[in-house]
Amino acid sequence: MVLHAPGKMNLGRSTRLASRAQRRALRALYSCCAMPGCHVGFDHAQPHHVIWWERGGLTDLDNLLPLCSRHHHNIHDDGWQVRLHRHRVLTIIYPDGTFEMTKPPGRPDRRAA
């Protein structure tokens, strides 16, 4: 729950970079990288557009995840895919077709496709 993050949470296509308010809200939601099992602290993570900016993604809170450099590169360079669902449930789809899905309270469940 975000107690106080003044500012707009949805910026659409008006800007590519997450605002201070969006970063505050993400910090309240995540203490570290959003990938299951990663403990790189939030201060060392970058907001990632789940639907990439280059592909028309919006700079809206429901399209942003904090990712460490390693996981950001896995997505952009190694073919990992992520999907963000209701209640910030995250699906990670690996290049081999297997996937992992977080469930509240964020425990992963890896399955074969």
N, C-alpha and C. Protein backbone atom coordinates (compact mmCIF):
# COMPACT_ATOMS: atom_id res chain seq x y z
N MET A 1 0.83 -1.17 0.00
CA MET A 1 0.00 0.00 0.00
C MET A 1 0.89 1.24 0.00
N VAL A 2 0.54 2.19 -0.83
CA VAL A 2 1.27 3.45 -0.89
C VAL A 2 0.54 4.45 0.00
N LEU A 3 1.21 4.95 1.01
CA LEU A 3 0.57 5.88 1.92
C LEU A 3 0.58 7.30 1.40
N HIS A 4 1.70 7.72 0.79
CA HIS A 4 1.78 9.09 0.30
C HIS A 4 2.82 9.18 -0.81
N ALA A 5 2.36 9.45 -2.00
CA ALA A 5 3.24 9.68 -3.13
C ALA A 5 2.58 10.73 -4.01
N PRO A 6 2.70 12.01 -3.61
CA PRO A 6 2.01 13.06 -4.36
C PRO A 6 2.52 13.15 -5.79
N GLY A 7 1.61 13.38 -6.69
CA GLY A 7 1.96 13.49 -8.11
C GLY A 7 1.19 12.48 -8.92
N LYS A 8 1.28 12.66 -10.22
CA LYS A 8 0.56 11.77 -11.14
C LYS A 8 1.25 10.41 -11.21
N MET A 9 0.44 9.36 -11.19
CA MET A 9 0.96 8.00 -11.32
C MET A 9 0.92 7.52 -12.77
N ASN A 10 0.16 8.21 -13.61
CA ASN A 10 0.03 7.82 -15.01
C ASN A 10 0.40 9.00 -15.89
N LEU A 11 1.53 8.85 -16.59
CA LEU A 11 2.04 9.92 -17.44
C LEU A 11 1.88 9.60 -18.92
N GLY A 12 1.39 8.41 -19.22
CA GLY A 12 1.17 8.04 -20.62
C GLY A 12 2.43 8.14 -21.45
N ARG A 13 2.30 8.79 -22.61
CA ARG A 13 3.43 8.96 -23.52
C ARG A 13 4.07 10.34 -23.39
N SER A 14 3.68 11.11 -22.36
CA SER A 14 4.21 12.46 -22.21
C SER A 14 5.69 12.47 -21.84
N THR A 15 6.18 11.40 -21.23
CA THR A 15 7.59 11.30 -20.85
C THR A 15 7.98 9.84 -20.75
N ARG A 16 9.24 9.54 -21.04
CA ARG A 16 9.72 8.16 -20.97
C ARG A 16 10.18 7.80 -19.56
N LEU A 17 10.75 8.75 -18.86
CA LEU A 17 11.33 8.47 -17.55
C LEU A 17 10.27 8.53 -16.45
N ALA A 18 10.38 7.62 -15.50
CA ALA A 18 9.48 7.61 -14.35
C ALA A 18 9.68 8.87 -13.53
N SER A 19 8.60 9.42 -13.04
CA SER A 19 8.66 10.63 -12.22
C SER A 19 9.08 10.29 -10.79
N ARG A 20 9.36 11.33 -10.04
CA ARG A 20 9.70 11.14 -8.63
C ARG A 20 8.55 10.47 -7.88
N ALA A 21 7.32 10.89 -8.17
CA ALA A 21 6.14 10.30 -7.51
C ALA A 21 6.02 8.81 -7.86
N GLN A 22 6.24 8.46 -9.11
CA GLN A 22 6.17 7.06 -9.51
C GLN A 22 7.27 6.25 -8.82
N ARG A 23 8.46 6.80 -8.73
CA ARG A 23 9.55 6.10 -8.05
C ARG A 23 9.22 5.90 -6.57
N ARG A 24 8.62 6.90 -5.95
CA ARG A 24 8.21 6.76 -4.54
C ARG A 24 7.18 5.65 -4.38
N ALA A 25 6.23 5.61 -5.29
CA ALA A 25 5.20 4.57 -5.23
C ALA A 25 5.82 3.20 -5.44
N LEU A 26 6.74 3.08 -6.41
CA LEU A 26 7.41 1.79 -6.65
C LEU A 26 8.21 1.36 -5.42
N ARG A 27 8.88 2.33 -4.79
CA ARG A 27 9.67 2.01 -3.58
C ARG A 27 8.76 1.47 -2.48
N ALA A 28 7.54 2.01 -2.36
CA ALA A 28 6.61 1.53 -1.35
C ALA A 28 6.13 0.11 -1.67
N LEU A 29 6.10 -0.23 -2.96
CA LEU A 29 5.64 -1.56 -3.37
C LEU A 29 6.74 -2.61 -3.37
N TYR A 30 7.99 -2.19 -3.62
CA TYR A 30 9.12 -3.12 -3.77
C TYR A 30 10.31 -2.62 -2.97
N SER A 31 10.90 -3.49 -2.18
CA SER A 31 12.12 -3.12 -1.46
C SER A 31 13.36 -3.42 -2.28
N CYS A 32 13.17 -4.21 -3.36
CA CYS A 32 14.30 -4.61 -4.18
C CYS A 32 13.82 -4.87 -5.61
N CYS A 33 14.68 -5.40 -6.43
CA CYS A 33 14.34 -5.80 -7.80
C CYS A 33 13.08 -6.66 -7.76
N ALA A 34 12.19 -6.47 -8.73
CA ALA A 34 10.91 -7.17 -8.75
C ALA A 34 11.01 -8.65 -9.12
N MET A 35 12.16 -9.09 -9.61
CA MET A 35 12.30 -10.49 -10.01
C MET A 35 12.38 -11.40 -8.79
N PRO A 36 11.68 -12.51 -8.84
CA PRO A 36 11.67 -13.44 -7.70
C PRO A 36 13.08 -13.89 -7.33
N GLY A 37 13.37 -13.84 -6.06
CA GLY A 37 14.65 -14.30 -5.55
C GLY A 37 15.79 -13.31 -5.67
N CYS A 38 15.57 -12.18 -6.31
CA CYS A 38 16.63 -11.17 -6.45
C CYS A 38 16.53 -10.21 -5.27
N HIS A 39 17.67 -9.94 -4.65
CA HIS A 39 17.69 -9.10 -3.47
C HIS A 39 18.47 -7.80 -3.68
N VAL A 40 18.69 -7.44 -4.95
CA VAL A 40 19.34 -6.15 -5.22
C VAL A 40 18.38 -5.06 -4.78
N GLY A 41 18.86 -4.18 -3.92
CA GLY A 41 18.00 -3.16 -3.33
C GLY A 41 17.38 -2.20 -4.33
N PHE A 42 16.26 -1.63 -3.96
CA PHE A 42 15.53 -0.71 -4.82
C PHE A 42 16.43 0.43 -5.31
N ASP A 43 17.31 0.93 -4.46
CA ASP A 43 18.17 2.05 -4.85
C ASP A 43 19.14 1.69 -5.97
N HIS A 44 19.31 0.40 -6.23
CA HIS A 44 20.19 -0.04 -7.32
C HIS A 44 19.39 -0.62 -8.47
N ALA A 45 18.11 -0.34 -8.50
CA ALA A 45 17.23 -0.82 -9.57
C ALA A 45 16.78 0.37 -10.41
N GLN A 46 16.31 0.07 -11.62
CA GLN A 46 15.78 1.10 -12.52
C GLN A 46 14.35 0.75 -12.88
N PRO A 47 13.49 1.76 -13.03
CA PRO A 47 12.13 1.46 -13.50
C PRO A 47 12.18 0.92 -14.93
N HIS A 48 11.52 -0.18 -15.15
CA HIS A 48 11.45 -0.83 -16.47
C HIS A 48 10.01 -0.77 -16.96
N HIS A 49 9.82 -0.40 -18.23
CA HIS A 49 8.50 -0.43 -18.86
C HIS A 49 8.20 -1.88 -19.24
N VAL A 50 7.18 -2.48 -18.65
CA VAL A 50 6.80 -3.85 -18.97
C VAL A 50 6.48 -3.95 -20.47
N ILE A 51 5.62 -3.07 -20.95
CA ILE A 51 5.47 -2.91 -22.40
C ILE A 51 6.44 -1.79 -22.75
N TRP A 52 7.48 -2.15 -23.46
CA TRP A 52 8.60 -1.24 -23.71
C TRP A 52 8.13 0.08 -24.30
N TRP A 53 8.79 1.14 -23.89
CA TRP A 53 8.53 2.48 -24.41
C TRP A 53 8.63 2.49 -25.94
N GLU A 54 9.66 1.82 -26.47
CA GLU A 54 9.89 1.78 -27.91
C GLU A 54 8.76 1.09 -28.66
N ARG A 55 7.98 0.29 -27.94
CA ARG A 55 6.87 -0.45 -28.55
C ARG A 55 5.52 0.16 -28.17
N GLY A 56 5.54 1.41 -27.75
CA GLY A 56 4.30 2.10 -27.44
C GLY A 56 3.86 2.04 -25.98
N GLY A 57 4.71 1.50 -25.10
CA GLY A 57 4.36 1.39 -23.69
C GLY A 57 4.21 2.75 -23.03
N LEU A 58 3.39 2.78 -22.03
CA LEU A 58 3.10 4.02 -21.31
C LEU A 58 3.95 4.15 -20.05
N THR A 59 4.24 5.36 -19.67
CA THR A 59 4.93 5.60 -18.40
C THR A 59 3.85 5.78 -17.34
N ASP A 60 3.18 4.67 -17.06
CA ASP A 60 2.13 4.59 -16.06
C ASP A 60 2.59 3.61 -14.98
N LEU A 61 2.17 3.83 -13.76
CA LEU A 61 2.61 2.97 -12.65
C LEU A 61 2.32 1.50 -12.93
N ASP A 62 1.20 1.20 -13.56
CA ASP A 62 0.88 -0.21 -13.81
C ASP A 62 1.65 -0.80 -14.98
N ASN A 63 2.61 -0.05 -15.54
CA ASN A 63 3.49 -0.56 -16.59
C ASN A 63 4.96 -0.46 -16.16
N LEU A 64 5.22 -0.19 -14.90
CA LEU A 64 6.59 -0.02 -14.42
C LEU A 64 6.93 -1.05 -13.34
N LEU A 65 8.15 -1.56 -13.43
CA LEU A 65 8.70 -2.48 -12.43
C LEU A 65 10.13 -2.06 -12.13
N PRO A 66 10.57 -2.16 -10.88
CA PRO A 66 11.99 -1.91 -10.60
C PRO A 66 12.79 -3.18 -10.92
N LEU A 67 13.82 -3.01 -11.74
CA LEU A 67 14.68 -4.15 -12.09
C LEU A 67 16.14 -3.78 -11.88
N CYS A 68 16.91 -4.73 -11.38
CA CYS A 68 18.35 -4.56 -11.28
C CYS A 68 18.94 -4.62 -12.69
N SER A 69 20.16 -4.22 -12.83
CA SER A 69 20.82 -4.20 -14.14
C SER A 69 20.83 -5.57 -14.80
N ARG A 70 21.14 -6.60 -14.04
CA ARG A 70 21.20 -7.97 -14.59
C ARG A 70 19.86 -8.39 -15.19
N HIS A 71 18.78 -8.21 -14.43
CA HIS A 71 17.48 -8.63 -14.92
C HIS A 71 16.96 -7.72 -16.03
N HIS A 72 17.34 -6.45 -15.99
CA HIS A 72 16.98 -5.54 -17.08
C HIS A 72 17.62 -6.03 -18.38
N HIS A 73 18.88 -6.46 -18.32
CA HIS A 73 19.58 -7.00 -19.50
C HIS A 73 18.99 -8.34 -19.93
N ASN A 74 18.58 -9.17 -18.97
CA ASN A 74 17.94 -10.44 -19.34
C ASN A 74 16.71 -10.19 -20.21
N ILE A 75 15.96 -9.17 -19.88
CA ILE A 75 14.75 -8.85 -20.64
C ILE A 75 15.09 -8.22 -21.98
N HIS A 76 15.96 -7.23 -21.97
CA HIS A 76 16.26 -6.51 -23.22
C HIS A 76 17.19 -7.25 -24.15
N ASP A 77 18.06 -8.09 -23.62
CA ASP A 77 19.09 -8.73 -24.46
C ASP A 77 18.97 -10.24 -24.59
N ASP A 78 18.35 -10.91 -23.62
CA ASP A 78 18.37 -12.38 -23.59
C ASP A 78 17.02 -13.03 -23.88
N GLY A 79 16.03 -12.25 -24.24
CA GLY A 79 14.76 -12.84 -24.64
C GLY A 79 13.78 -13.18 -23.53
N TRP A 80 14.06 -12.75 -22.31
CA TRP A 80 13.07 -12.95 -21.25
C TRP A 80 11.90 -12.01 -21.52
N GLN A 81 10.71 -12.45 -21.17
CA GLN A 81 9.51 -11.61 -21.28
C GLN A 81 8.85 -11.51 -19.92
N VAL A 82 8.26 -10.37 -19.64
CA VAL A 82 7.53 -10.20 -18.37
C VAL A 82 6.14 -9.66 -18.68
N ARG A 83 5.22 -10.09 -17.86
CA ARG A 83 3.84 -9.58 -17.92
C ARG A 83 3.43 -9.24 -16.50
N LEU A 84 2.80 -8.10 -16.36
CA LEU A 84 2.36 -7.64 -15.05
C LEU A 84 0.84 -7.70 -15.02
N HIS A 85 0.32 -8.42 -14.04
CA HIS A 85 -1.11 -8.66 -13.93
C HIS A 85 -1.70 -7.89 -12.75
N ARG A 86 -2.96 -8.08 -12.55
CA ARG A 86 -3.68 -7.47 -11.44
C ARG A 86 -2.99 -7.80 -10.11
N HIS A 87 -3.01 -6.88 -9.21
CA HIS A 87 -2.36 -7.01 -7.89
C HIS A 87 -0.85 -7.19 -8.02
N ARG A 88 -0.30 -6.75 -9.15
CA ARG A 88 1.15 -6.77 -9.43
C ARG A 88 1.72 -8.19 -9.43
N VAL A 89 0.89 -9.15 -9.79
CA VAL A 89 1.39 -10.51 -10.02
C VAL A 89 2.21 -10.46 -11.30
N LEU A 90 3.38 -11.04 -11.28
CA LEU A 90 4.33 -10.98 -12.38
C LEU A 90 4.53 -12.36 -12.99
N THR A 91 4.46 -12.44 -14.31
CA THR A 91 4.81 -13.66 -15.03
C THR A 91 6.10 -13.39 -15.78
N ILE A 92 7.09 -14.28 -15.59
CA ILE A 92 8.36 -14.21 -16.32
C ILE A 92 8.38 -15.40 -17.26
N ILE A 93 8.54 -15.14 -18.54
CA ILE A 93 8.59 -16.20 -19.55
C ILE A 93 10.03 -16.26 -20.07
N TYR A 94 10.64 -17.43 -19.90
CA TYR A 94 12.03 -17.63 -20.30
C TYR A 94 12.11 -18.07 -21.76
N PRO A 95 13.26 -17.87 -22.40
CA PRO A 95 13.41 -18.23 -23.81
C PRO A 95 13.09 -19.70 -24.12
N ASP A 96 13.26 -20.59 -23.14
CA ASP A 96 12.97 -22.02 -23.38
C ASP A 96 11.49 -22.36 -23.24
N GLY A 97 10.65 -21.35 -22.97
CA GLY A 97 9.21 -21.57 -22.87
C GLY A 97 8.71 -21.82 -21.46
N THR A 98 9.61 -22.06 -20.51
CA THR A 98 9.16 -22.21 -19.13
C THR A 98 8.80 -20.84 -18.59
N PHE A 99 8.02 -20.83 -17.55
CA PHE A 99 7.66 -19.55 -16.96
C PHE A 99 7.58 -19.65 -15.46
N GLU A 100 7.64 -18.51 -14.85
CA GLU A 100 7.56 -18.37 -13.40
C GLU A 100 6.54 -17.29 -13.13
N MET A 101 5.72 -17.52 -12.14
CA MET A 101 4.68 -16.56 -11.82
C MET A 101 4.70 -16.28 -10.33
N THR A 102 4.75 -15.00 -9.98
CA THR A 102 4.68 -14.66 -8.57
C THR A 102 3.22 -14.67 -8.15
N LYS A 103 2.99 -15.00 -6.92
CA LYS A 103 1.64 -14.94 -6.38
C LYS A 103 1.73 -14.20 -5.06
N PRO A 104 0.70 -13.50 -4.73
CA PRO A 104 0.75 -12.88 -3.39
C PRO A 104 0.95 -13.98 -2.35
N PRO A 105 1.90 -13.93 -1.50
CA PRO A 105 2.79 -12.82 -1.17
C PRO A 105 4.08 -12.76 -1.97
N GLY A 106 4.10 -13.17 -3.21
CA GLY A 106 5.27 -13.01 -4.06
C GLY A 106 6.15 -14.23 -4.18
N ARG A 107 5.64 -15.41 -3.80
CA ARG A 107 6.44 -16.62 -3.94
C ARG A 107 6.34 -17.15 -5.38
N PRO A 108 7.49 -17.51 -5.99
CA PRO A 108 7.46 -17.98 -7.38
C PRO A 108 6.95 -19.40 -7.51
N ASP A 109 6.40 -19.69 -8.67
CA ASP A 109 5.92 -21.03 -9.01
C ASP A 109 6.35 -21.28 -10.46
N ARG A 110 7.42 -22.08 -10.66
CA ARG A 110 7.95 -22.32 -12.00
C ARG A 110 7.24 -23.50 -12.63
N ARG A 111 6.81 -23.32 -13.89
CA ARG A 111 6.09 -24.36 -14.60
C ARG A 111 6.65 -24.52 -16.01
N ALA A 112 6.45 -25.69 -16.57
CA ALA A 112 6.85 -25.91 -17.97
C ALA A 112 5.70 -25.51 -18.87
N ALA A 113 6.03 -24.98 -20.03
CA ALA A 113 4.99 -24.56 -20.98
C ALA A 113 4.50 -25.73 -21.79
